[in-house]
Amino acid sequence: MRLITARHLLALALTALSLSACVSRTEVPMSAGLSEDDDAYCRRTAGTAGSPEYVACRKDRDVQRGDAVTRADKKQRDLGEWMLNHPN
């Protein structure tokens, strides 16, 4: 009985680790240079919230963030494909 419980706990732990990796896929990579809060950055560089410069700054940050996530996803897919094609 105790052996079955240990196996179940091990399987549960492995499943939780696998799922936690999937959750972090949508996070912006640290190498993107976008770790600072967008609002604080745009207020400092473009002025008050609601101004045309502020709105443009926020849009630019959104585009940069999306591009960083896209690049990270592509790198992950490329790595997975390479690993499938080179099993040695």
N, C-alpha and C. Protein backbone atom coordinates (compact mmCIF):
# COMPACT_ATOMS: atom_id res chain seq x y z
N MET A 1 0.82 -1.19 0.00
CA MET A 1 0.00 0.00 0.00
C MET A 1 0.87 1.26 0.00
N ARG A 2 1.91 1.25 0.82
CA ARG A 2 2.79 2.42 0.90
C ARG A 2 3.56 2.62 -0.40
N LEU A 3 3.93 1.54 -1.10
CA LEU A 3 4.64 1.64 -2.36
C LEU A 3 3.78 2.31 -3.43
N ILE A 4 2.51 1.99 -3.46
CA ILE A 4 1.61 2.60 -4.44
C ILE A 4 1.48 4.09 -4.16
N THR A 5 1.39 4.49 -2.92
CA THR A 5 1.28 5.90 -2.58
C THR A 5 2.53 6.66 -3.00
N ALA A 6 3.69 6.08 -2.80
CA ALA A 6 4.94 6.73 -3.19
C ALA A 6 5.00 6.90 -4.71
N ARG A 7 4.55 5.91 -5.44
CA ARG A 7 4.53 6.00 -6.90
C ARG A 7 3.57 7.10 -7.36
N HIS A 8 2.44 7.17 -6.71
CA HIS A 8 1.47 8.21 -7.08
C HIS A 8 2.02 9.59 -6.79
N LEU A 9 2.69 9.75 -5.67
CA LEU A 9 3.27 11.05 -5.33
C LEU A 9 4.37 11.43 -6.33
N LEU A 10 5.17 10.47 -6.72
CA LEU A 10 6.21 10.72 -7.70
C LEU A 10 5.61 11.13 -9.04
N ALA A 11 4.57 10.43 -9.47
CA ALA A 11 3.91 10.76 -10.73
C ALA A 11 3.27 12.15 -10.66
N LEU A 12 2.69 12.47 -9.53
CA LEU A 12 2.08 13.78 -9.35
C LEU A 12 3.13 14.89 -9.40
N ALA A 13 4.27 14.66 -8.77
CA ALA A 13 5.35 15.64 -8.77
C ALA A 13 5.89 15.86 -10.18
N LEU A 14 6.08 14.80 -10.94
CA LEU A 14 6.57 14.92 -12.31
C LEU A 14 5.56 15.64 -13.20
N THR A 15 4.28 15.37 -13.00
CA THR A 15 3.25 16.05 -13.77
C THR A 15 3.23 17.54 -13.45
N ALA A 16 3.35 17.87 -12.16
CA ALA A 16 3.35 19.28 -11.76
C ALA A 16 4.54 20.02 -12.35
N LEU A 17 5.71 19.40 -12.38
CA LEU A 17 6.88 20.03 -12.98
C LEU A 17 6.69 20.25 -14.48
N SER A 18 6.11 19.28 -15.14
CA SER A 18 5.88 19.41 -16.58
C SER A 18 4.91 20.54 -16.88
N LEU A 19 3.85 20.63 -16.11
CA LEU A 19 2.86 21.68 -16.35
C LEU A 19 3.40 23.06 -16.01
N SER A 20 4.26 23.15 -15.01
CA SER A 20 4.80 24.46 -14.67
C SER A 20 5.69 25.00 -15.79
N ALA A 21 6.33 24.13 -16.53
CA ALA A 21 7.12 24.57 -17.68
C ALA A 21 6.23 25.13 -18.78
N CYS A 22 5.06 24.56 -18.95
CA CYS A 22 4.13 25.06 -19.96
C CYS A 22 3.59 26.43 -19.58
N VAL A 23 3.36 26.65 -18.32
CA VAL A 23 2.81 27.92 -17.87
C VAL A 23 3.79 29.06 -18.13
N SER A 24 5.06 28.81 -17.98
CA SER A 24 6.05 29.87 -18.12
C SER A 24 6.39 30.17 -19.58
N ARG A 25 5.80 29.50 -20.54
CA ARG A 25 6.10 29.74 -21.94
C ARG A 25 5.70 31.13 -22.39
N THR A 26 4.66 31.71 -21.79
CA THR A 26 4.19 33.01 -22.26
C THR A 26 4.89 34.18 -21.57
N GLU A 27 5.79 33.90 -20.66
CA GLU A 27 6.51 34.97 -19.99
C GLU A 27 7.55 35.56 -20.93
N VAL A 28 7.81 36.83 -20.77
CA VAL A 28 8.80 37.51 -21.61
C VAL A 28 10.19 37.07 -21.18
N PRO A 29 11.05 36.68 -22.12
CA PRO A 29 12.40 36.28 -21.76
C PRO A 29 13.17 37.44 -21.14
N MET A 30 14.02 37.14 -20.18
CA MET A 30 14.80 38.17 -19.51
C MET A 30 15.75 38.87 -20.47
N SER A 31 16.16 38.19 -21.53
CA SER A 31 17.08 38.79 -22.49
C SER A 31 16.40 39.85 -23.35
N ALA A 32 15.08 40.00 -23.24
CA ALA A 32 14.37 40.97 -24.06
C ALA A 32 14.59 42.40 -23.57
N GLY A 33 15.06 42.58 -22.36
CA GLY A 33 15.31 43.91 -21.83
C GLY A 33 14.04 44.65 -21.45
N LEU A 34 12.96 43.92 -21.23
CA LEU A 34 11.67 44.52 -20.90
C LEU A 34 11.25 44.19 -19.47
N SER A 35 12.20 44.11 -18.58
CA SER A 35 11.87 43.71 -17.21
C SER A 35 11.24 44.85 -16.41
N GLU A 36 11.41 46.08 -16.85
CA GLU A 36 10.86 47.22 -16.14
C GLU A 36 9.37 47.36 -16.45
N ASP A 37 8.61 47.89 -15.53
CA ASP A 37 7.19 48.13 -15.71
C ASP A 37 6.98 49.10 -16.88
N ASP A 38 6.09 48.74 -17.81
CA ASP A 38 5.85 49.57 -18.98
C ASP A 38 5.32 50.95 -18.62
N ASP A 39 4.41 51.01 -17.67
CA ASP A 39 3.83 52.29 -17.29
C ASP A 39 4.90 53.23 -16.74
N ALA A 40 5.73 52.71 -15.83
CA ALA A 40 6.79 53.54 -15.25
C ALA A 40 7.79 53.99 -16.31
N TYR A 41 8.14 53.08 -17.21
CA TYR A 41 9.09 53.42 -18.27
C TYR A 41 8.53 54.51 -19.18
N CYS A 42 7.28 54.35 -19.60
CA CYS A 42 6.70 55.31 -20.54
C CYS A 42 6.41 56.65 -19.87
N ARG A 43 6.05 56.64 -18.59
CA ARG A 43 5.85 57.92 -17.90
C ARG A 43 7.18 58.68 -17.79
N ARG A 44 8.26 57.93 -17.57
CA ARG A 44 9.56 58.58 -17.42
C ARG A 44 10.08 59.11 -18.76
N THR A 45 9.87 58.35 -19.83
CA THR A 45 10.45 58.74 -21.12
C THR A 45 9.51 59.56 -22.01
N ALA A 46 8.19 59.36 -21.87
CA ALA A 46 7.27 60.00 -22.81
C ALA A 46 6.34 61.01 -22.17
N GLY A 47 6.34 61.12 -20.87
CA GLY A 47 5.49 62.13 -20.22
C GLY A 47 4.27 61.54 -19.56
N THR A 48 3.24 62.35 -19.44
CA THR A 48 2.05 61.96 -18.70
C THR A 48 1.23 60.92 -19.44
N ALA A 49 0.51 60.13 -18.67
CA ALA A 49 -0.36 59.11 -19.24
C ALA A 49 -1.45 59.77 -20.06
N GLY A 50 -1.74 59.20 -21.22
CA GLY A 50 -2.77 59.73 -22.09
C GLY A 50 -2.26 60.61 -23.21
N SER A 51 -1.03 61.08 -23.09
CA SER A 51 -0.47 61.91 -24.16
C SER A 51 -0.16 61.02 -25.37
N PRO A 52 -0.11 61.59 -26.56
CA PRO A 52 0.19 60.79 -27.75
C PRO A 52 1.55 60.07 -27.66
N GLU A 53 2.53 60.73 -27.04
CA GLU A 53 3.85 60.10 -26.90
C GLU A 53 3.77 58.89 -25.96
N TYR A 54 3.00 59.02 -24.90
CA TYR A 54 2.83 57.92 -23.94
C TYR A 54 2.15 56.74 -24.62
N VAL A 55 1.09 57.01 -25.37
CA VAL A 55 0.36 55.94 -26.06
C VAL A 55 1.28 55.24 -27.06
N ALA A 56 2.07 56.02 -27.80
CA ALA A 56 3.01 55.42 -28.76
C ALA A 56 4.05 54.58 -28.05
N CYS A 57 4.52 55.06 -26.90
CA CYS A 57 5.50 54.30 -26.12
C CYS A 57 4.92 52.96 -25.67
N ARG A 58 3.69 52.99 -25.18
CA ARG A 58 3.06 51.74 -24.72
C ARG A 58 2.86 50.77 -25.88
N LYS A 59 2.47 51.28 -27.04
CA LYS A 59 2.30 50.42 -28.21
C LYS A 59 3.63 49.81 -28.62
N ASP A 60 4.69 50.61 -28.62
CA ASP A 60 6.01 50.10 -28.95
C ASP A 60 6.45 49.01 -27.99
N ARG A 61 6.21 49.23 -26.70
CA ARG A 61 6.57 48.21 -25.70
C ARG A 61 5.78 46.93 -25.91
N ASP A 62 4.50 47.04 -26.27
CA ASP A 62 3.70 45.85 -26.54
C ASP A 62 4.24 45.08 -27.73
N VAL A 63 4.63 45.81 -28.77
CA VAL A 63 5.19 45.16 -29.96
C VAL A 63 6.51 44.48 -29.61
N GLN A 64 7.37 45.16 -28.85
CA GLN A 64 8.64 44.57 -28.45
C GLN A 64 8.42 43.30 -27.62
N ARG A 65 7.46 43.35 -26.71
CA ARG A 65 7.17 42.19 -25.86
C ARG A 65 6.66 41.03 -26.71
N GLY A 66 5.76 41.32 -27.64
CA GLY A 66 5.25 40.27 -28.52
C GLY A 66 6.34 39.66 -29.38
N ASP A 67 7.22 40.50 -29.89
CA ASP A 67 8.33 40.00 -30.70
C ASP A 67 9.27 39.12 -29.87
N ALA A 68 9.52 39.51 -28.62
CA ALA A 68 10.39 38.72 -27.76
C ALA A 68 9.79 37.35 -27.47
N VAL A 69 8.49 37.32 -27.22
CA VAL A 69 7.83 36.04 -26.96
C VAL A 69 7.85 35.17 -28.21
N THR A 70 7.62 35.78 -29.37
CA THR A 70 7.65 35.04 -30.63
C THR A 70 9.03 34.45 -30.89
N ARG A 71 10.08 35.24 -30.65
CA ARG A 71 11.44 34.74 -30.84
C ARG A 71 11.74 33.59 -29.87
N ALA A 72 11.32 33.71 -28.63
CA ALA A 72 11.57 32.66 -27.64
C ALA A 72 10.82 31.38 -28.02
N ASP A 73 9.58 31.51 -28.49
CA ASP A 73 8.82 30.34 -28.92
C ASP A 73 9.47 29.67 -30.12
N LYS A 74 9.96 30.47 -31.06
CA LYS A 74 10.61 29.91 -32.23
C LYS A 74 11.89 29.16 -31.84
N LYS A 75 12.66 29.76 -30.93
CA LYS A 75 13.87 29.07 -30.47
C LYS A 75 13.52 27.74 -29.80
N GLN A 76 12.45 27.73 -29.01
CA GLN A 76 12.04 26.51 -28.33
C GLN A 76 11.60 25.45 -29.34
N ARG A 77 10.83 25.86 -30.35
CA ARG A 77 10.40 24.92 -31.39
C ARG A 77 11.60 24.39 -32.17
N ASP A 78 12.53 25.29 -32.52
CA ASP A 78 13.72 24.87 -33.25
C ASP A 78 14.54 23.87 -32.45
N LEU A 79 14.67 24.11 -31.15
CA LEU A 79 15.42 23.18 -30.31
C LEU A 79 14.73 21.83 -30.26
N GLY A 80 13.42 21.83 -30.10
CA GLY A 80 12.67 20.56 -30.07
C GLY A 80 12.81 19.81 -31.38
N GLU A 81 12.73 20.52 -32.50
CA GLU A 81 12.89 19.88 -33.80
C GLU A 81 14.29 19.32 -33.97
N TRP A 82 15.29 20.09 -33.55
CA TRP A 82 16.68 19.61 -33.65
C TRP A 82 16.87 18.36 -32.80
N MET A 83 16.29 18.34 -31.60
CA MET A 83 16.44 17.19 -30.72
C MET A 83 15.76 15.96 -31.32
N LEU A 84 14.63 16.14 -32.01
CA LEU A 84 13.97 15.01 -32.65
C LEU A 84 14.79 14.48 -33.82
N ASN A 85 15.45 15.37 -34.53
CA ASN A 85 16.24 14.97 -35.71
C ASN A 85 17.63 14.46 -35.37
N HIS A 86 18.12 14.73 -34.16
CA HIS A 86 19.45 14.29 -33.74
C HIS A 86 19.33 13.55 -32.40
N PRO A 87 18.89 12.30 -32.43
CA PRO A 87 18.65 11.57 -31.18
C PRO A 87 19.94 11.14 -30.45
N ASN A 88 21.07 11.25 -31.08
CA ASN A 88 22.31 10.77 -30.44
C ASN A 88 22.74 11.70 -29.37
